[in-house]
Amino acid sequence: MITVIADIRTRPGQHHRQAVLDAFAGIIPTVLQEAGCHGYTPLVDNNAGVEFQTCVPDAITMLEHWESIEHLQAHIATPHMQAWSAEVKEHVLETRIRILEVAVNNG
């Protein structure tokens, strides 16, 4: 099992981030049906009002769980992901993807 964190920085302005979130809403049910997908969740900052928090208003963090790298690669190549990328490209400035594995087995 791998965990993917995709940090997506959108153009400044709430409407850009919302357009990307709306596009995610349209594909999430399809992605969750893909082989090897164990979770696919877009996250935004919760402005909790605590001094130790950093907020990035023009950002979305995707939290994904995949059975394997091969499943992730198949996901990226799907027609719905290609269409999603084309739909949001005018709203997204940068995407950084991290692929993580469990470092300490806790049980």
N, C-alpha and C. Protein backbone atom coordinates (compact mmCIF):
# COMPACT_ATOMS: atom_id res chain seq x y z
N MET A 1 0.85 -1.17 0.00
CA MET A 1 0.00 0.00 0.00
C MET A 1 0.90 1.23 0.00
N ILE A 2 0.54 2.20 -0.83
CA ILE A 2 1.25 3.47 -0.86
C ILE A 2 0.26 4.60 -0.56
N THR A 3 0.79 5.67 -0.03
CA THR A 3 0.03 6.89 0.19
C THR A 3 0.61 7.95 -0.73
N VAL A 4 -0.27 8.64 -1.42
CA VAL A 4 0.15 9.71 -2.32
C VAL A 4 -0.40 11.02 -1.77
N ILE A 5 0.48 12.01 -1.70
CA ILE A 5 0.07 13.35 -1.34
C ILE A 5 0.40 14.24 -2.54
N ALA A 6 -0.64 14.79 -3.14
CA ALA A 6 -0.46 15.71 -4.25
C ALA A 6 -0.78 17.11 -3.74
N ASP A 7 0.24 17.94 -3.70
CA ASP A 7 0.06 19.34 -3.30
C ASP A 7 -0.20 20.15 -4.55
N ILE A 8 -1.40 20.68 -4.66
CA ILE A 8 -1.82 21.42 -5.85
C ILE A 8 -1.95 22.88 -5.48
N ARG A 9 -1.16 23.71 -6.14
CA ARG A 9 -1.24 25.15 -5.91
C ARG A 9 -2.03 25.75 -7.06
N THR A 10 -3.12 26.43 -6.72
CA THR A 10 -3.96 27.03 -7.74
C THR A 10 -3.59 28.51 -7.92
N ARG A 11 -4.09 29.08 -9.00
CA ARG A 11 -3.90 30.52 -9.21
C ARG A 11 -4.60 31.25 -8.06
N PRO A 12 -4.13 32.43 -7.71
CA PRO A 12 -4.77 33.18 -6.63
C PRO A 12 -6.24 33.48 -6.95
N GLY A 13 -7.05 33.38 -5.93
CA GLY A 13 -8.48 33.66 -6.06
C GLY A 13 -9.30 32.42 -5.79
N GLN A 14 -10.29 32.58 -4.95
CA GLN A 14 -11.13 31.46 -4.52
C GLN A 14 -11.77 30.73 -5.71
N HIS A 15 -12.11 31.44 -6.77
CA HIS A 15 -12.79 30.79 -7.90
C HIS A 15 -11.89 29.77 -8.59
N HIS A 16 -10.57 29.97 -8.57
CA HIS A 16 -9.66 28.99 -9.17
C HIS A 16 -9.63 27.70 -8.35
N ARG A 17 -9.49 27.86 -7.03
CA ARG A 17 -9.48 26.66 -6.18
C ARG A 17 -10.82 25.95 -6.27
N GLN A 18 -11.91 26.69 -6.28
CA GLN A 18 -13.23 26.07 -6.34
C GLN A 18 -13.43 25.32 -7.66
N ALA A 19 -12.91 25.85 -8.74
CA ALA A 19 -13.04 25.16 -10.04
C ALA A 19 -12.33 23.81 -10.00
N VAL A 20 -11.18 23.75 -9.37
CA VAL A 20 -10.45 22.48 -9.25
C VAL A 20 -11.21 21.52 -8.34
N LEU A 21 -11.73 22.03 -7.23
CA LEU A 21 -12.52 21.17 -6.33
C LEU A 21 -13.77 20.64 -7.03
N ASP A 22 -14.43 21.49 -7.82
CA ASP A 22 -15.62 21.05 -8.56
C ASP A 22 -15.25 19.95 -9.56
N ALA A 23 -14.10 20.09 -10.20
CA ALA A 23 -13.65 19.06 -11.14
C ALA A 23 -13.36 17.76 -10.40
N PHE A 24 -12.76 17.84 -9.21
CA PHE A 24 -12.54 16.64 -8.40
C PHE A 24 -13.86 15.98 -8.04
N ALA A 25 -14.84 16.78 -7.64
CA ALA A 25 -16.14 16.23 -7.26
C ALA A 25 -16.74 15.40 -8.39
N GLY A 26 -16.47 15.80 -9.62
CA GLY A 26 -17.01 15.08 -10.76
C GLY A 26 -16.34 13.74 -11.03
N ILE A 27 -15.09 13.56 -10.59
CA ILE A 27 -14.39 12.31 -10.89
C ILE A 27 -14.21 11.38 -9.69
N ILE A 28 -14.42 11.87 -8.49
CA ILE A 28 -14.17 11.04 -7.30
C ILE A 28 -14.92 9.71 -7.34
N PRO A 29 -16.21 9.67 -7.67
CA PRO A 29 -16.88 8.37 -7.69
C PRO A 29 -16.24 7.38 -8.68
N THR A 30 -15.79 7.88 -9.81
CA THR A 30 -15.13 7.03 -10.81
C THR A 30 -13.78 6.54 -10.30
N VAL A 31 -13.00 7.44 -9.70
CA VAL A 31 -11.68 7.06 -9.19
C VAL A 31 -11.81 6.01 -8.09
N LEU A 32 -12.78 6.17 -7.21
CA LEU A 32 -12.96 5.21 -6.12
C LEU A 32 -13.32 3.82 -6.63
N GLN A 33 -13.79 3.71 -7.87
CA GLN A 33 -14.12 2.43 -8.48
C GLN A 33 -12.90 1.78 -9.15
N GLU A 34 -11.81 2.52 -9.30
CA GLU A 34 -10.63 1.99 -9.97
C GLU A 34 -9.99 0.88 -9.15
N ALA A 35 -9.42 -0.10 -9.86
CA ALA A 35 -8.69 -1.18 -9.21
C ALA A 35 -7.54 -0.60 -8.40
N GLY A 36 -7.41 -1.04 -7.17
CA GLY A 36 -6.30 -0.63 -6.33
C GLY A 36 -6.48 0.66 -5.58
N CYS A 37 -7.60 1.35 -5.77
CA CYS A 37 -7.83 2.61 -5.07
C CYS A 37 -8.46 2.33 -3.70
N HIS A 38 -7.81 2.83 -2.65
CA HIS A 38 -8.31 2.64 -1.29
C HIS A 38 -8.67 3.97 -0.63
N GLY A 39 -8.60 5.06 -1.38
CA GLY A 39 -8.98 6.36 -0.84
C GLY A 39 -8.52 7.46 -1.76
N TYR A 40 -9.36 8.50 -1.90
CA TYR A 40 -9.07 9.60 -2.81
C TYR A 40 -9.81 10.82 -2.29
N THR A 41 -9.10 11.67 -1.52
CA THR A 41 -9.76 12.74 -0.79
C THR A 41 -9.07 14.08 -1.00
N PRO A 42 -9.78 15.08 -1.55
CA PRO A 42 -9.21 16.42 -1.61
C PRO A 42 -9.40 17.12 -0.26
N LEU A 43 -8.35 17.80 0.18
CA LEU A 43 -8.36 18.50 1.46
C LEU A 43 -7.96 19.96 1.27
N VAL A 44 -8.56 20.84 2.06
CA VAL A 44 -8.18 22.25 2.09
C VAL A 44 -7.95 22.64 3.55
N ASP A 45 -7.22 23.72 3.74
CA ASP A 45 -6.93 24.17 5.10
C ASP A 45 -8.20 24.49 5.87
N ASN A 46 -8.23 24.05 7.11
CA ASN A 46 -9.26 24.43 8.06
C ASN A 46 -8.67 25.59 8.84
N ASN A 47 -9.19 26.77 8.63
CA ASN A 47 -8.65 27.94 9.32
C ASN A 47 -9.09 27.88 10.79
N ALA A 48 -8.30 27.16 11.57
CA ALA A 48 -8.63 26.90 12.97
C ALA A 48 -8.36 28.10 13.88
N GLY A 49 -7.62 29.08 13.37
CA GLY A 49 -7.36 30.26 14.17
C GLY A 49 -6.34 30.05 15.28
N VAL A 50 -5.49 29.05 15.13
CA VAL A 50 -4.44 28.83 16.13
C VAL A 50 -3.12 29.37 15.59
N GLU A 51 -2.28 29.88 16.49
CA GLU A 51 -1.08 30.58 16.07
C GLU A 51 -0.05 29.67 15.40
N PHE A 52 -0.08 28.39 15.64
CA PHE A 52 0.93 27.50 15.07
C PHE A 52 0.55 26.95 13.70
N GLN A 53 -0.59 27.33 13.19
CA GLN A 53 -1.06 26.82 11.90
C GLN A 53 -0.60 27.70 10.74
N THR A 54 -0.23 27.05 9.65
CA THR A 54 0.05 27.74 8.40
C THR A 54 -1.12 27.46 7.46
N CYS A 55 -1.71 28.50 6.91
CA CYS A 55 -2.81 28.34 5.96
C CYS A 55 -2.36 28.78 4.58
N VAL A 56 -2.76 28.02 3.60
CA VAL A 56 -2.46 28.35 2.21
C VAL A 56 -3.80 28.37 1.47
N PRO A 57 -4.36 29.55 1.27
CA PRO A 57 -5.71 29.64 0.70
C PRO A 57 -5.82 29.17 -0.75
N ASP A 58 -4.72 29.17 -1.48
CA ASP A 58 -4.76 28.78 -2.88
C ASP A 58 -4.13 27.40 -3.08
N ALA A 59 -4.51 26.47 -2.20
CA ALA A 59 -3.92 25.14 -2.26
C ALA A 59 -4.96 24.07 -1.97
N ILE A 60 -4.74 22.91 -2.59
CA ILE A 60 -5.52 21.71 -2.33
C ILE A 60 -4.51 20.59 -2.11
N THR A 61 -4.75 19.79 -1.09
CA THR A 61 -3.91 18.62 -0.85
C THR A 61 -4.76 17.39 -1.11
N MET A 62 -4.32 16.59 -2.07
CA MET A 62 -5.00 15.32 -2.35
C MET A 62 -4.34 14.24 -1.53
N LEU A 63 -5.14 13.50 -0.79
CA LEU A 63 -4.66 12.37 -0.01
C LEU A 63 -5.20 11.11 -0.69
N GLU A 64 -4.29 10.30 -1.19
CA GLU A 64 -4.69 9.12 -1.96
C GLU A 64 -4.02 7.88 -1.37
N HIS A 65 -4.73 6.76 -1.44
CA HIS A 65 -4.18 5.48 -1.01
C HIS A 65 -4.36 4.49 -2.16
N TRP A 66 -3.24 3.90 -2.59
CA TRP A 66 -3.24 2.97 -3.72
C TRP A 66 -2.57 1.67 -3.32
N GLU A 67 -3.03 0.60 -3.90
CA GLU A 67 -2.47 -0.72 -3.63
C GLU A 67 -1.00 -0.80 -4.04
N SER A 68 -0.64 -0.14 -5.16
CA SER A 68 0.73 -0.24 -5.68
C SER A 68 1.03 0.94 -6.61
N ILE A 69 2.30 1.07 -6.95
CA ILE A 69 2.73 2.07 -7.94
C ILE A 69 2.05 1.80 -9.27
N GLU A 70 1.92 0.55 -9.63
CA GLU A 70 1.28 0.18 -10.90
C GLU A 70 -0.18 0.66 -10.94
N HIS A 71 -0.89 0.54 -9.83
CA HIS A 71 -2.26 1.04 -9.77
C HIS A 71 -2.29 2.56 -9.91
N LEU A 72 -1.35 3.25 -9.28
CA LEU A 72 -1.26 4.70 -9.39
C LEU A 72 -0.97 5.10 -10.84
N GLN A 73 -0.04 4.43 -11.48
CA GLN A 73 0.29 4.75 -12.86
C GLN A 73 -0.90 4.51 -13.78
N ALA A 74 -1.64 3.44 -13.55
CA ALA A 74 -2.84 3.17 -14.34
C ALA A 74 -3.88 4.27 -14.13
N HIS A 75 -4.01 4.74 -12.90
CA HIS A 75 -4.93 5.83 -12.58
C HIS A 75 -4.59 7.09 -13.36
N ILE A 76 -3.33 7.46 -13.35
CA ILE A 76 -2.90 8.68 -14.03
C ILE A 76 -3.16 8.61 -15.53
N ALA A 77 -3.14 7.40 -16.09
CA ALA A 77 -3.32 7.22 -17.53
C ALA A 77 -4.79 7.10 -17.97
N THR A 78 -5.72 7.08 -17.01
CA THR A 78 -7.13 6.89 -17.38
C THR A 78 -7.66 8.09 -18.16
N PRO A 79 -8.64 7.86 -19.01
CA PRO A 79 -9.25 8.98 -19.76
C PRO A 79 -9.85 10.04 -18.85
N HIS A 80 -10.45 9.64 -17.72
CA HIS A 80 -11.05 10.66 -16.84
C HIS A 80 -9.99 11.52 -16.17
N MET A 81 -8.80 10.98 -15.89
CA MET A 81 -7.74 11.82 -15.33
C MET A 81 -7.14 12.73 -16.39
N GLN A 82 -7.04 12.24 -17.61
CA GLN A 82 -6.55 13.09 -18.70
C GLN A 82 -7.52 14.24 -18.94
N ALA A 83 -8.82 13.94 -18.90
CA ALA A 83 -9.84 14.99 -19.08
C ALA A 83 -9.81 15.96 -17.91
N TRP A 84 -9.64 15.45 -16.69
CA TRP A 84 -9.56 16.31 -15.51
C TRP A 84 -8.38 17.28 -15.64
N SER A 85 -7.23 16.77 -16.02
CA SER A 85 -6.03 17.61 -16.18
C SER A 85 -6.28 18.74 -17.18
N ALA A 86 -6.91 18.40 -18.30
CA ALA A 86 -7.20 19.42 -19.32
C ALA A 86 -8.19 20.45 -18.78
N GLU A 87 -9.18 19.98 -18.00
CA GLU A 87 -10.21 20.87 -17.47
C GLU A 87 -9.65 21.89 -16.48
N VAL A 88 -8.66 21.49 -15.68
CA VAL A 88 -8.17 22.37 -14.61
C VAL A 88 -6.87 23.09 -14.94
N LYS A 89 -6.29 22.83 -16.09
CA LYS A 89 -4.95 23.36 -16.35
C LYS A 89 -4.86 24.88 -16.28
N GLU A 90 -5.93 25.58 -16.59
CA GLU A 90 -5.91 27.05 -16.50
C GLU A 90 -6.00 27.55 -15.06
N HIS A 91 -6.36 26.68 -14.15
CA HIS A 91 -6.53 27.06 -12.75
C HIS A 91 -5.34 26.66 -11.87
N VAL A 92 -4.52 25.72 -12.34
CA VAL A 92 -3.44 25.16 -11.53
C VAL A 92 -2.10 25.76 -11.93
N LEU A 93 -1.35 26.21 -10.94
CA LEU A 93 -0.01 26.73 -11.18
C LEU A 93 1.06 25.65 -11.07
N GLU A 94 0.89 24.75 -10.08
CA GLU A 94 1.92 23.76 -9.81
C GLU A 94 1.33 22.59 -9.05
N THR A 95 1.85 21.41 -9.33
CA THR A 95 1.49 20.21 -8.58
C THR A 95 2.76 19.48 -8.20
N ARG A 96 2.85 19.13 -6.95
CA ARG A 96 3.97 18.32 -6.45
C ARG A 96 3.40 17.04 -5.86
N ILE A 97 3.94 15.93 -6.30
CA ILE A 97 3.42 14.63 -5.88
C ILE A 97 4.47 13.91 -5.06
N ARG A 98 4.04 13.45 -3.89
CA ARG A 98 4.89 12.63 -3.03
C ARG A 98 4.27 11.25 -2.92
N ILE A 99 5.11 10.24 -3.01
CA ILE A 99 4.67 8.85 -2.86
C ILE A 99 5.32 8.32 -1.61
N LEU A 100 4.49 7.95 -0.65
CA LEU A 100 4.98 7.57 0.68
C LEU A 100 4.65 6.12 1.01
N GLU A 101 5.46 5.57 1.90
CA GLU A 101 5.22 4.24 2.42
C GLU A 101 5.33 4.29 3.94
N VAL A 102 4.78 3.32 4.59
CA VAL A 102 4.83 3.26 6.05
C VAL A 102 6.28 3.08 6.48
N ALA A 103 6.73 3.91 7.42
CA ALA A 103 8.11 3.88 7.87
C ALA A 103 8.29 3.03 9.14
N VAL A 104 7.26 2.97 9.96
CA VAL A 104 7.33 2.21 11.20
C VAL A 104 6.06 1.40 11.31
N ASN A 105 6.18 0.10 11.42
CA ASN A 105 5.02 -0.76 11.57
C ASN A 105 4.56 -0.68 13.02
N ASN A 106 3.33 -0.18 13.22
CA ASN A 106 2.83 0.00 14.58
C ASN A 106 1.80 -1.04 14.99
N GLY A 107 1.93 -2.19 14.44
CA GLY A 107 1.00 -3.21 14.88
C GLY A 107 0.90 -4.28 13.92
